[in-house]
Amino acid sequence: MSDMYDLKELVEQTPTNRLVYLFRAILHRALCDALGILDQSDKVKKNFIKNSQDYIGSKDFYQICYLAKTNPNEIINLYDKLKKENLETRKSIAKRLQTNR
């Protein structure tokens, strides 16, 4: 995921847009974590996934969506759809989402 964020693009943005970019990156990471797209051991993974799943729809989640200028219901609907897919499909879709921000 190292190519996920284009540093040059980020530097050229206004400070407000940089913050929106940051908050969208937080949402992307939370979505990936909740869907089990992690590079962690199985023991750590279970707790981490559970905490991330609890975050989706929480008060903090809604605040970050607001700061990211993103509709929280769209993120929740996407999460609900993706959690029904297998892990490889989830990874593929997550990769496409990171380039379409």
PDB file of N, CA and C in Angstrom:
ATOM      1  N   MET A   1       0.810  -1.197   0.000  1.00  0.00           N
ATOM      2  CA  MET A   1       0.000   0.000   0.000  1.00  0.00           C
ATOM      3  C   MET A   1       0.852   1.258   0.000  1.00  0.00           C
ATOM      4  N   SER A   2       2.113   1.154  -0.248  1.00  0.00           N
ATOM      5  CA  SER A   2       2.986   2.310  -0.193  1.00  0.00           C
ATOM      6  C   SER A   2       2.640   3.338  -1.264  1.00  0.00           C
ATOM      7  N   ASP A   3       2.087   2.918  -2.388  1.00  0.00           N
ATOM      8  CA  ASP A   3       1.727   3.870  -3.432  1.00  0.00           C
ATOM      9  C   ASP A   3       0.321   4.432  -3.233  1.00  0.00           C
ATOM     10  N   MET A   4      -0.274   4.162  -2.080  1.00  0.00           N
ATOM     11  CA  MET A   4      -1.643   4.564  -1.804  1.00  0.00           C
ATOM     12  C   MET A   4      -1.811   6.085  -1.773  1.00  0.00           C
ATOM     13  N   TYR A   5      -0.833   6.785  -1.262  1.00  0.00           N
ATOM     14  CA  TYR A   5      -0.957   8.221  -1.106  1.00  0.00           C
ATOM     15  C   TYR A   5       0.118   8.906  -1.936  1.00  0.00           C
ATOM     16  N   ASP A   6      -0.300   9.763  -2.841  1.00  0.00           N
ATOM     17  CA  ASP A   6       0.621  10.487  -3.703  1.00  0.00           C
ATOM     18  C   ASP A   6       1.092  11.725  -2.951  1.00  0.00           C
ATOM     19  N   LEU A   7       2.338  11.711  -2.489  1.00  0.00           N
ATOM     20  CA  LEU A   7       2.869  12.800  -1.674  1.00  0.00           C
ATOM     21  C   LEU A   7       2.883  14.123  -2.432  1.00  0.00           C
ATOM     22  N   LYS A   8       3.263  14.094  -3.702  1.00  0.00           N
ATOM     23  CA  LYS A   8       3.295  15.323  -4.498  1.00  0.00           C
ATOM     24  C   LYS A   8       1.900  15.940  -4.584  1.00  0.00           C
ATOM     25  N   GLU A   9       0.920  15.108  -4.834  1.00  0.00           N
ATOM     26  CA  GLU A   9      -0.469  15.581  -4.908  1.00  0.00           C
ATOM     27  C   GLU A   9      -0.884  16.193  -3.574  1.00  0.00           C
ATOM     28  N   LEU A  10      -0.511  15.546  -2.487  1.00  0.00           N
ATOM     29  CA  LEU A  10      -0.873  16.018  -1.158  1.00  0.00           C
ATOM     30  C   LEU A  10      -0.231  17.376  -0.860  1.00  0.00           C
ATOM     31  N   VAL A  11       1.031  17.541  -1.188  1.00  0.00           N
ATOM     32  CA  VAL A  11       1.744  18.788  -0.921  1.00  0.00           C
ATOM     33  C   VAL A  11       1.147  19.945  -1.709  1.00  0.00           C
ATOM     34  N   GLU A  12       0.678  19.684  -2.905  1.00  0.00           N
ATOM     35  CA  GLU A  12       0.130  20.736  -3.768  1.00  0.00           C
ATOM     36  C   GLU A  12      -1.279  21.169  -3.368  1.00  0.00           C
ATOM     37  N   GLN A  13      -1.895  20.478  -2.457  1.00  0.00           N
ATOM     38  CA  GLN A  13      -3.257  20.804  -2.055  1.00  0.00           C
ATOM     39  C   GLN A  13      -3.269  21.908  -0.997  1.00  0.00           C
ATOM     40  N   THR A  14      -4.420  22.559  -0.861  1.00  0.00           N
ATOM     41  CA  THR A  14      -4.591  23.549   0.194  1.00  0.00           C
ATOM     42  C   THR A  14      -4.620  22.827   1.539  1.00  0.00           C
ATOM     43  N   PRO A  15      -4.360  23.542   2.629  1.00  0.00           N
ATOM     44  CA  PRO A  15      -4.404  22.894   3.954  1.00  0.00           C
ATOM     45  C   PRO A  15      -5.730  22.202   4.248  1.00  0.00           C
ATOM     46  N   THR A  16      -6.839  22.816   3.839  1.00  0.00           N
ATOM     47  CA  THR A  16      -8.148  22.193   4.071  1.00  0.00           C
ATOM     48  C   THR A  16      -8.261  20.886   3.301  1.00  0.00           C
ATOM     49  N   ASN A  17      -7.832  20.898   2.043  1.00  0.00           N
ATOM     50  CA  ASN A  17      -7.894  19.676   1.251  1.00  0.00           C
ATOM     51  C   ASN A  17      -6.972  18.599   1.808  1.00  0.00           C
ATOM     52  N   ARG A  18      -5.842  18.996   2.369  1.00  0.00           N
ATOM     53  CA  ARG A  18      -4.943  18.015   2.984  1.00  0.00           C
ATOM     54  C   ARG A  18      -5.619  17.311   4.144  1.00  0.00           C
ATOM     55  N   LEU A  19      -6.384  18.072   4.926  1.00  0.00           N
ATOM     56  CA  LEU A  19      -7.094  17.459   6.047  1.00  0.00           C
ATOM     57  C   LEU A  19      -8.178  16.506   5.562  1.00  0.00           C
ATOM     58  N   VAL A  20      -8.900  16.904   4.541  1.00  0.00           N
ATOM     59  CA  VAL A  20      -9.923  16.022   3.961  1.00  0.00           C
ATOM     60  C   VAL A  20      -9.258  14.744   3.466  1.00  0.00           C
ATOM     61  N   TYR A  21      -8.135  14.876   2.797  1.00  0.00           N
ATOM     62  CA  TYR A  21      -7.357  13.738   2.295  1.00  0.00           C
ATOM     63  C   TYR A  21      -6.959  12.815   3.443  1.00  0.00           C
ATOM     64  N   LEU A  22      -6.486  13.416   4.542  1.00  0.00           N
ATOM     65  CA  LEU A  22      -6.093  12.647   5.723  1.00  0.00           C
ATOM     66  C   LEU A  22      -7.281  11.886   6.300  1.00  0.00           C
ATOM     67  N   PHE A  23      -8.407  12.556   6.465  1.00  0.00           N
ATOM     68  CA  PHE A  23      -9.569  11.906   7.058  1.00  0.00           C
ATOM     69  C   PHE A  23     -10.132  10.811   6.148  1.00  0.00           C
ATOM     70  N   ARG A  24     -10.038  10.993   4.848  1.00  0.00           N
ATOM     71  CA  ARG A  24     -10.461   9.931   3.931  1.00  0.00           C
ATOM     72  C   ARG A  24      -9.523   8.737   4.016  1.00  0.00           C
ATOM     73  N   ALA A  25      -8.251   8.988   4.216  1.00  0.00           N
ATOM     74  CA  ALA A  25      -7.294   7.891   4.399  1.00  0.00           C
ATOM     75  C   ALA A  25      -7.611   7.116   5.682  1.00  0.00           C
ATOM     76  N   ILE A  26      -8.031   7.830   6.724  1.00  0.00           N
ATOM     77  CA  ILE A  26      -8.426   7.174   7.980  1.00  0.00           C
ATOM     78  C   ILE A  26      -9.626   6.267   7.737  1.00  0.00           C
ATOM     79  N   LEU A  27     -10.600   6.769   7.002  1.00  0.00           N
ATOM     80  CA  LEU A  27     -11.793   5.955   6.699  1.00  0.00           C
ATOM     81  C   LEU A  27     -11.429   4.733   5.863  1.00  0.00           C
ATOM     82  N   HIS A  28     -10.557   4.919   4.892  1.00  0.00           N
ATOM     83  CA  HIS A  28     -10.125   3.795   4.049  1.00  0.00           C
ATOM     84  C   HIS A  28      -9.445   2.735   4.904  1.00  0.00           C
ATOM     85  N   ARG A  29      -8.553   3.153   5.791  1.00  0.00           N
ATOM     86  CA  ARG A  29      -7.840   2.200   6.654  1.00  0.00           C
ATOM     87  C   ARG A  29      -8.814   1.484   7.579  1.00  0.00           C
ATOM     88  N   ALA A  30      -9.768   2.226   8.149  1.00  0.00           N
ATOM     89  CA  ALA A  30     -10.753   1.616   9.047  1.00  0.00           C
ATOM     90  C   ALA A  30     -11.590   0.579   8.315  1.00  0.00           C
ATOM     91  N   LEU A  31     -11.997   0.899   7.096  1.00  0.00           N
ATOM     92  CA  LEU A  31     -12.787  -0.035   6.295  1.00  0.00           C
ATOM     93  C   LEU A  31     -11.983  -1.298   6.004  1.00  0.00           C
ATOM     94  N   CYS A  32     -10.738  -1.132   5.595  1.00  0.00           N
ATOM     95  CA  CYS A  32      -9.883  -2.293   5.319  1.00  0.00           C
ATOM     96  C   CYS A  32      -9.684  -3.135   6.568  1.00  0.00           C
ATOM     97  N   ASP A  33      -9.436  -2.487   7.694  1.00  0.00           N
ATOM     98  CA  ASP A  33      -9.221  -3.215   8.946  1.00  0.00           C
ATOM     99  C   ASP A  33     -10.467  -3.992   9.349  1.00  0.00           C
ATOM    100  N   ALA A  34     -11.631  -3.359   9.234  1.00  0.00           N
ATOM    101  CA  ALA A  34     -12.885  -4.017   9.611  1.00  0.00           C
ATOM    102  C   ALA A  34     -13.196  -5.211   8.712  1.00  0.00           C
ATOM    103  N   LEU A  35     -12.681  -5.158   7.481  1.00  0.00           N
ATOM    104  CA  LEU A  35     -12.916  -6.254   6.532  1.00  0.00           C
ATOM    105  C   LEU A  35     -11.836  -7.326   6.603  1.00  0.00           C
ATOM    106  N   GLY A  36     -10.881  -7.152   7.517  1.00  0.00           N
ATOM    107  CA  GLY A  36      -9.859  -8.182   7.707  1.00  0.00           C
ATOM    108  C   GLY A  36      -8.710  -8.097   6.725  1.00  0.00           C
ATOM    109  N   ILE A  37      -8.539  -6.963   6.073  1.00  0.00           N
ATOM    110  CA  ILE A  37      -7.430  -6.793   5.134  1.00  0.00           C
ATOM    111  C   ILE A  37      -6.249  -6.255   5.941  1.00  0.00           C
ATOM    112  N   LEU A  38      -5.565  -7.172   6.620  1.00  0.00           N
ATOM    113  CA  LEU A  38      -4.488  -6.825   7.549  1.00  0.00           C
ATOM    114  C   LEU A  38      -3.270  -7.688   7.288  1.00  0.00           C
ATOM    115  N   ASP A  39      -2.132  -7.181   7.704  1.00  0.00           N
ATOM    116  CA  ASP A  39      -0.895  -7.954   7.662  1.00  0.00           C
ATOM    117  C   ASP A  39      -0.442  -8.222   9.095  1.00  0.00           C
ATOM    118  N   GLN A  40      -1.283  -8.866   9.880  1.00  0.00           N
ATOM    119  CA  GLN A  40      -1.008  -9.108  11.290  1.00  0.00           C
ATOM    120  C   GLN A  40      -1.168 -10.602  11.579  1.00  0.00           C
ATOM    121  N   SER A  41      -0.655 -11.020  12.737  1.00  0.00           N
ATOM    122  CA  SER A  41      -0.824 -12.412  13.142  1.00  0.00           C
ATOM    123  C   SER A  41      -2.293 -12.684  13.432  1.00  0.00           C
ATOM    124  N   ASP A  42      -2.686 -13.950  13.378  1.00  0.00           N
ATOM    125  CA  ASP A  42      -4.091 -14.303  13.596  1.00  0.00           C
ATOM    126  C   ASP A  42      -4.584 -13.889  14.976  1.00  0.00           C
ATOM    127  N   LYS A  43      -3.717 -14.006  15.987  1.00  0.00           N
ATOM    128  CA  LYS A  43      -4.118 -13.647  17.346  1.00  0.00           C
ATOM    129  C   LYS A  43      -4.440 -12.160  17.442  1.00  0.00           C
ATOM    130  N   VAL A  44      -3.581 -11.333  16.892  1.00  0.00           N
ATOM    131  CA  VAL A  44      -3.786  -9.888  16.906  1.00  0.00           C
ATOM    132  C   VAL A  44      -4.946  -9.514  15.994  1.00  0.00           C
ATOM    133  N   LYS A  45      -5.045 -10.207  14.889  1.00  0.00           N
ATOM    134  CA  LYS A  45      -6.039  -9.888  13.860  1.00  0.00           C
ATOM    135  C   LYS A  45      -7.472  -9.932  14.394  1.00  0.00           C
ATOM    136  N   LYS A  46      -7.818 -10.952  15.173  1.00  0.00           N
ATOM    137  CA  LYS A  46      -9.197 -11.093  15.660  1.00  0.00           C
ATOM    138  C   LYS A  46      -9.640  -9.877  16.481  1.00  0.00           C
ATOM    139  N   ASN A  47      -8.810  -9.470  17.441  1.00  0.00           N
ATOM    140  CA  ASN A  47      -9.158  -8.304  18.262  1.00  0.00           C
ATOM    141  C   ASN A  47      -9.197  -7.035  17.432  1.00  0.00           C
ATOM    142  N   PHE A  48      -8.233  -6.887  16.554  1.00  0.00           N
ATOM    143  CA  PHE A  48      -8.136  -5.690  15.733  1.00  0.00           C
ATOM    144  C   PHE A  48      -9.348  -5.571  14.817  1.00  0.00           C
ATOM    145  N   ILE A  49      -9.741  -6.660  14.204  1.00  0.00           N
ATOM    146  CA  ILE A  49     -10.910  -6.656  13.317  1.00  0.00           C
ATOM    147  C   ILE A  49     -12.165  -6.304  14.103  1.00  0.00           C
ATOM    148  N   LYS A  50     -12.324  -6.903  15.270  1.00  0.00           N
ATOM    149  CA  LYS A  50     -13.510  -6.641  16.103  1.00  0.00           C
ATOM    150  C   LYS A  50     -13.580  -5.168  16.481  1.00  0.00           C
ATOM    151  N   ASN A  51     -12.453  -4.598  16.913  1.00  0.00           N
ATOM    152  CA  ASN A  51     -12.434  -3.176  17.272  1.00  0.00           C
ATOM    153  C   ASN A  51     -12.749  -2.295  16.065  1.00  0.00           C
ATOM    154  N   SER A  52     -12.233  -2.675  14.924  1.00  0.00           N
ATOM    155  CA  SER A  52     -12.471  -1.901  13.702  1.00  0.00           C
ATOM    156  C   SER A  52     -13.930  -2.006  13.268  1.00  0.00           C
ATOM    157  N   GLN A  53     -14.504  -3.183  13.433  1.00  0.00           N
ATOM    158  CA  GLN A  53     -15.921  -3.352  13.095  1.00  0.00           C
ATOM    159  C   GLN A  53     -16.801  -2.515  14.013  1.00  0.00           C
ATOM    160  N   ASP A  54     -16.420  -2.442  15.284  1.00  0.00           N
ATOM    161  CA  ASP A  54     -17.175  -1.618  16.235  1.00  0.00           C
ATOM    162  C   ASP A  54     -17.067  -0.132  15.898  1.00  0.00           C
ATOM    163  N   TYR A  55     -15.956   0.267  15.296  1.00  0.00           N
ATOM    164  CA  TYR A  55     -15.735   1.666  14.925  1.00  0.00           C
ATOM    165  C   TYR A  55     -16.682   2.122  13.813  1.00  0.00           C
ATOM    166  N   ILE A  56     -16.943   1.228  12.848  1.00  0.00           N
ATOM    167  CA  ILE A  56     -17.844   1.576  11.748  1.00  0.00           C
ATOM    168  C   ILE A  56     -19.232   1.840  12.325  1.00  0.00           C
ATOM    169  N   GLY A  57     -19.716   3.064  12.165  1.00  0.00           N
ATOM    170  CA  GLY A  57     -21.021   3.444  12.696  1.00  0.00           C
ATOM    171  C   GLY A  57     -20.967   4.105  14.067  1.00  0.00           C
ATOM    172  N   SER A  58     -19.778   4.194  14.657  1.00  0.00           N
ATOM    173  CA  SER A  58     -19.645   4.819  15.978  1.00  0.00           C
ATOM    174  C   SER A  58     -19.686   6.345  15.863  1.00  0.00           C
ATOM    175  N   LYS A  59     -19.762   7.007  17.003  1.00  0.00           N
ATOM    176  CA  LYS A  59     -19.765   8.465  17.030  1.00  0.00           C
ATOM    177  C   LYS A  59     -18.483   9.011  16.393  1.00  0.00           C
ATOM    178  N   ASP A  60     -17.341   8.422  16.732  1.00  0.00           N
ATOM    179  CA  ASP A  60     -16.063   8.849  16.137  1.00  0.00           C
ATOM    180  C   ASP A  60     -16.072   8.673  14.623  1.00  0.00           C
ATOM    181  N   PHE A  61     -16.632   7.567  14.164  1.00  0.00           N
ATOM    182  CA  PHE A  61     -16.741   7.307  12.726  1.00  0.00           C
ATOM    183  C   PHE A  61     -17.517   8.431  12.037  1.00  0.00           C
ATOM    184  N   TYR A  62     -18.650   8.814  12.606  1.00  0.00           N
ATOM    185  CA  TYR A  62     -19.466   9.878  12.019  1.00  0.00           C
ATOM    186  C   TYR A  62     -18.721  11.211  12.009  1.00  0.00           C
ATOM    187  N   GLN A  63     -17.947  11.472  13.054  1.00  0.00           N
ATOM    188  CA  GLN A  63     -17.169  12.711  13.090  1.00  0.00           C
ATOM    189  C   GLN A  63     -16.105  12.729  11.998  1.00  0.00           C
ATOM    190  N   ILE A  64     -15.423  11.606  11.808  1.00  0.00           N
ATOM    191  CA  ILE A  64     -14.402  11.531  10.768  1.00  0.00           C
ATOM    192  C   ILE A  64     -15.051  11.650   9.383  1.00  0.00           C
ATOM    193  N   CYS A  65     -16.206  11.040   9.189  1.00  0.00           N
ATOM    194  CA  CYS A  65     -16.916  11.178   7.905  1.00  0.00           C
ATOM    195  C   CYS A  65     -17.245  12.636   7.635  1.00  0.00           C
ATOM    196  N   TYR A  66     -17.690  13.336   8.650  1.00  0.00           N
ATOM    197  CA  TYR A  66     -18.001  14.757   8.491  1.00  0.00           C
ATOM    198  C   TYR A  66     -16.749  15.527   8.074  1.00  0.00           C
ATOM    199  N   LEU A  67     -15.640  15.283   8.770  1.00  0.00           N
ATOM    200  CA  LEU A  67     -14.387  15.974   8.458  1.00  0.00           C
ATOM    201  C   LEU A  67     -13.844  15.589   7.083  1.00  0.00           C
ATOM    202  N   ALA A  68     -14.163  14.371   6.649  1.00  0.00           N
ATOM    203  CA  ALA A  68     -13.716  13.891   5.344  1.00  0.00           C
ATOM    204  C   ALA A  68     -14.672  14.301   4.220  1.00  0.00           C
ATOM    205  N   LYS A  69     -15.732  15.003   4.599  1.00  0.00           N
ATOM    206  CA  LYS A  69     -16.750  15.419   3.624  1.00  0.00           C
ATOM    207  C   LYS A  69     -17.280  14.213   2.850  1.00  0.00           C
ATOM    208  N   THR A  70     -17.595  13.177   3.627  1.00  0.00           N
ATOM    209  CA  THR A  70     -18.038  11.901   3.078  1.00  0.00           C
ATOM    210  C   THR A  70     -19.347  11.502   3.754  1.00  0.00           C
ATOM    211  N   ASN A  71     -20.257  10.911   3.007  1.00  0.00           N
ATOM    212  CA  ASN A  71     -21.526  10.450   3.551  1.00  0.00           C
ATOM    213  C   ASN A  71     -21.295   9.147   4.323  1.00  0.00           C
ATOM    214  N   PRO A  72     -21.503   9.153   5.646  1.00  0.00           N
ATOM    215  CA  PRO A  72     -21.256   7.947   6.435  1.00  0.00           C
ATOM    216  C   PRO A  72     -22.130   6.765   6.016  1.00  0.00           C
ATOM    217  N   ASN A  73     -23.331   7.043   5.556  1.00  0.00           N
ATOM    218  CA  ASN A  73     -24.222   5.954   5.139  1.00  0.00           C
ATOM    219  C   ASN A  73     -23.672   5.225   3.923  1.00  0.00           C
ATOM    220  N   GLU A  74     -22.996   5.948   3.032  1.00  0.00           N
ATOM    221  CA  GLU A  74     -22.383   5.302   1.874  1.00  0.00           C
ATOM    222  C   GLU A  74     -21.250   4.367   2.307  1.00  0.00           C
ATOM    223  N   ILE A  75     -20.467   4.789   3.294  1.00  0.00           N
ATOM    224  CA  ILE A  75     -19.375   3.951   3.804  1.00  0.00           C
ATOM    225  C   ILE A  75     -19.956   2.707   4.484  1.00  0.00           C
ATOM    226  N   ILE A  76     -20.997   2.906   5.273  1.00  0.00           N
ATOM    227  CA  ILE A  76     -21.623   1.769   5.966  1.00  0.00           C
ATOM    228  C   ILE A  76     -22.227   0.799   4.954  1.00  0.00           C
ATOM    229  N   ASN A  77     -22.901   1.308   3.930  1.00  0.00           N
ATOM    230  CA  ASN A  77     -23.468   0.437   2.888  1.00  0.00           C
ATOM    231  C   ASN A  77     -22.379  -0.327   2.152  1.00  0.00           C
ATOM    232  N   LEU A  78     -21.281   0.360   1.836  1.00  0.00           N
ATOM    233  CA  LEU A  78     -20.152  -0.300   1.180  1.00  0.00           C
ATOM    234  C   LEU A  78     -19.583  -1.398   2.072  1.00  0.00           C
ATOM    235  N   TYR A  79     -19.418  -1.099   3.344  1.00  0.00           N
ATOM    236  CA  TYR A  79     -18.916  -2.086   4.301  1.00  0.00           C
ATOM    237  C   TYR A  79     -19.841  -3.303   4.347  1.00  0.00           C
ATOM    238  N   ASP A  80     -21.137  -3.061   4.435  1.00  0.00           N
ATOM    239  CA  ASP A  80     -22.103  -4.173   4.492  1.00  0.00           C
ATOM    240  C   ASP A  80     -22.030  -5.055   3.244  1.00  0.00           C
ATOM    241  N   LYS A  81     -21.839  -4.433   2.077  1.00  0.00           N
ATOM    242  CA  LYS A  81     -21.711  -5.207   0.834  1.00  0.00           C
ATOM    243  C   LYS A  81     -20.399  -5.993   0.803  1.00  0.00           C
ATOM    244  N   LEU A  82     -19.314  -5.321   1.164  1.00  0.00           N
ATOM    245  CA  LEU A  82     -17.997  -5.956   1.061  1.00  0.00           C
ATOM    246  C   LEU A  82     -17.788  -7.089   2.059  1.00  0.00           C
ATOM    247  N   LYS A  83     -18.399  -6.996   3.220  1.00  0.00           N
ATOM    248  CA  LYS A  83     -18.170  -8.045   4.217  1.00  0.00           C
ATOM    249  C   LYS A  83     -18.781  -9.383   3.785  1.00  0.00           C
ATOM    250  N   LYS A  84     -19.643  -9.354   2.771  1.00  0.00           N
ATOM    251  CA  LYS A  84     -20.220 -10.592   2.234  1.00  0.00           C
ATOM    252  C   LYS A  84     -19.312 -11.251   1.195  1.00  0.00           C
ATOM    253  N   GLU A  85     -18.297 -10.498   0.735  1.00  0.00           N
ATOM    254  CA  GLU A  85     -17.375 -11.000  -0.289  1.00  0.00           C
ATOM    255  C   GLU A  85     -16.225 -11.775   0.349  1.00  0.00           C
ATOM    256  N   ASN A  86     -15.532 -12.578  -0.477  1.00  0.00           N
ATOM    257  CA  ASN A  86     -14.366 -13.283   0.052  1.00  0.00           C
ATOM    258  C   ASN A  86     -13.201 -12.299   0.194  1.00  0.00           C
ATOM    259  N   LEU A  87     -12.164 -12.697   0.922  1.00  0.00           N
ATOM    260  CA  LEU A  87     -11.054 -11.811   1.254  1.00  0.00           C
ATOM    261  C   LEU A  87     -10.335 -11.282   0.012  1.00  0.00           C
ATOM    262  N   GLU A  88     -10.142 -12.114  -0.990  1.00  0.00           N
ATOM    263  CA  GLU A  88      -9.436 -11.665  -2.202  1.00  0.00           C
ATOM    264  C   GLU A  88     -10.230 -10.587  -2.943  1.00  0.00           C
ATOM    265  N   THR A  89     -11.540 -10.735  -2.990  1.00  0.00           N
ATOM    266  CA  THR A  89     -12.386  -9.724  -3.618  1.00  0.00           C
ATOM    267  C   THR A  89     -12.331  -8.432  -2.820  1.00  0.00           C
ATOM    268  N   ARG A  90     -12.361  -8.549  -1.490  1.00  0.00           N
ATOM    269  CA  ARG A  90     -12.256  -7.368  -0.629  1.00  0.00           C
ATOM    270  C   ARG A  90     -10.954  -6.619  -0.894  1.00  0.00           C
ATOM    271  N   LYS A  91      -9.857  -7.367  -0.973  1.00  0.00           N
ATOM    272  CA  LYS A  91      -8.549  -6.743  -1.218  1.00  0.00           C
ATOM    273  C   LYS A  91      -8.524  -6.028  -2.558  1.00  0.00           C
ATOM    274  N   SER A  92      -9.087  -6.662  -3.565  1.00  0.00           N
ATOM    275  CA  SER A  92      -9.112  -6.081  -4.905  1.00  0.00           C
ATOM    276  C   SER A  92      -9.907  -4.773  -4.922  1.00  0.00           C
ATOM    277  N   ILE A  93     -11.059  -4.775  -4.285  1.00  0.00           N
ATOM    278  CA  ILE A  93     -11.904  -3.579  -4.240  1.00  0.00           C
ATOM    279  C   ILE A  93     -11.240  -2.490  -3.410  1.00  0.00           C
ATOM    280  N   ALA A  94     -10.637  -2.855  -2.296  1.00  0.00           N
ATOM    281  CA  ALA A  94      -9.951  -1.866  -1.453  1.00  0.00           C
ATOM    282  C   ALA A  94      -8.819  -1.194  -2.226  1.00  0.00           C
ATOM    283  N   LYS A  95      -8.105  -1.957  -3.013  1.00  0.00           N
ATOM    284  CA  LYS A  95      -7.013  -1.390  -3.807  1.00  0.00           C
ATOM    285  C   LYS A  95      -7.544  -0.389  -4.823  1.00  0.00           C
ATOM    286  N   ARG A  96      -8.671  -0.725  -5.450  1.00  0.00           N
ATOM    287  CA  ARG A  96      -9.283   0.219  -6.404  1.00  0.00           C
ATOM    288  C   ARG A  96      -9.779   1.475  -5.714  1.00  0.00           C
ATOM    289  N   LEU A  97     -10.318   1.341  -4.508  1.00  0.00           N
ATOM    290  CA  LEU A  97     -10.815   2.501  -3.779  1.00  0.00           C
ATOM    291  C   LEU A  97      -9.691   3.460  -3.429  1.00  0.00           C
ATOM    292  N   GLN A  98      -8.524   2.937  -3.104  1.00  0.00           N
ATOM    293  CA  GLN A  98      -7.419   3.815  -2.710  1.00  0.00           C
ATOM    294  C   GLN A  98      -6.933   4.673  -3.871  1.00  0.00           C
ATOM    295  N   THR A  99      -7.152   4.246  -5.094  1.00  0.00           N
ATOM    296  CA  THR A  99      -6.717   5.041  -6.241  1.00  0.00           C
ATOM    297  C   THR A  99      -7.819   5.938  -6.774  1.00  0.00           C
ATOM    298  N   ASN A 100      -9.032   5.770  -6.269  1.00  0.00           N
ATOM    299  CA  ASN A 100     -10.169   6.550  -6.785  1.00  0.00           C
ATOM    300  C   ASN A 100     -10.619   7.672  -5.849  1.00  0.00           C
ATOM    301  N   ARG A 101      -9.828   8.029  -4.882  1.00  0.00           N
ATOM    302  CA  ARG A 101     -10.245   9.076  -3.949  1.00  0.00           C
ATOM    303  C   ARG A 101     -10.297  10.412  -4.610  1.00  0.00           C
TER     304      ARG A 101
END
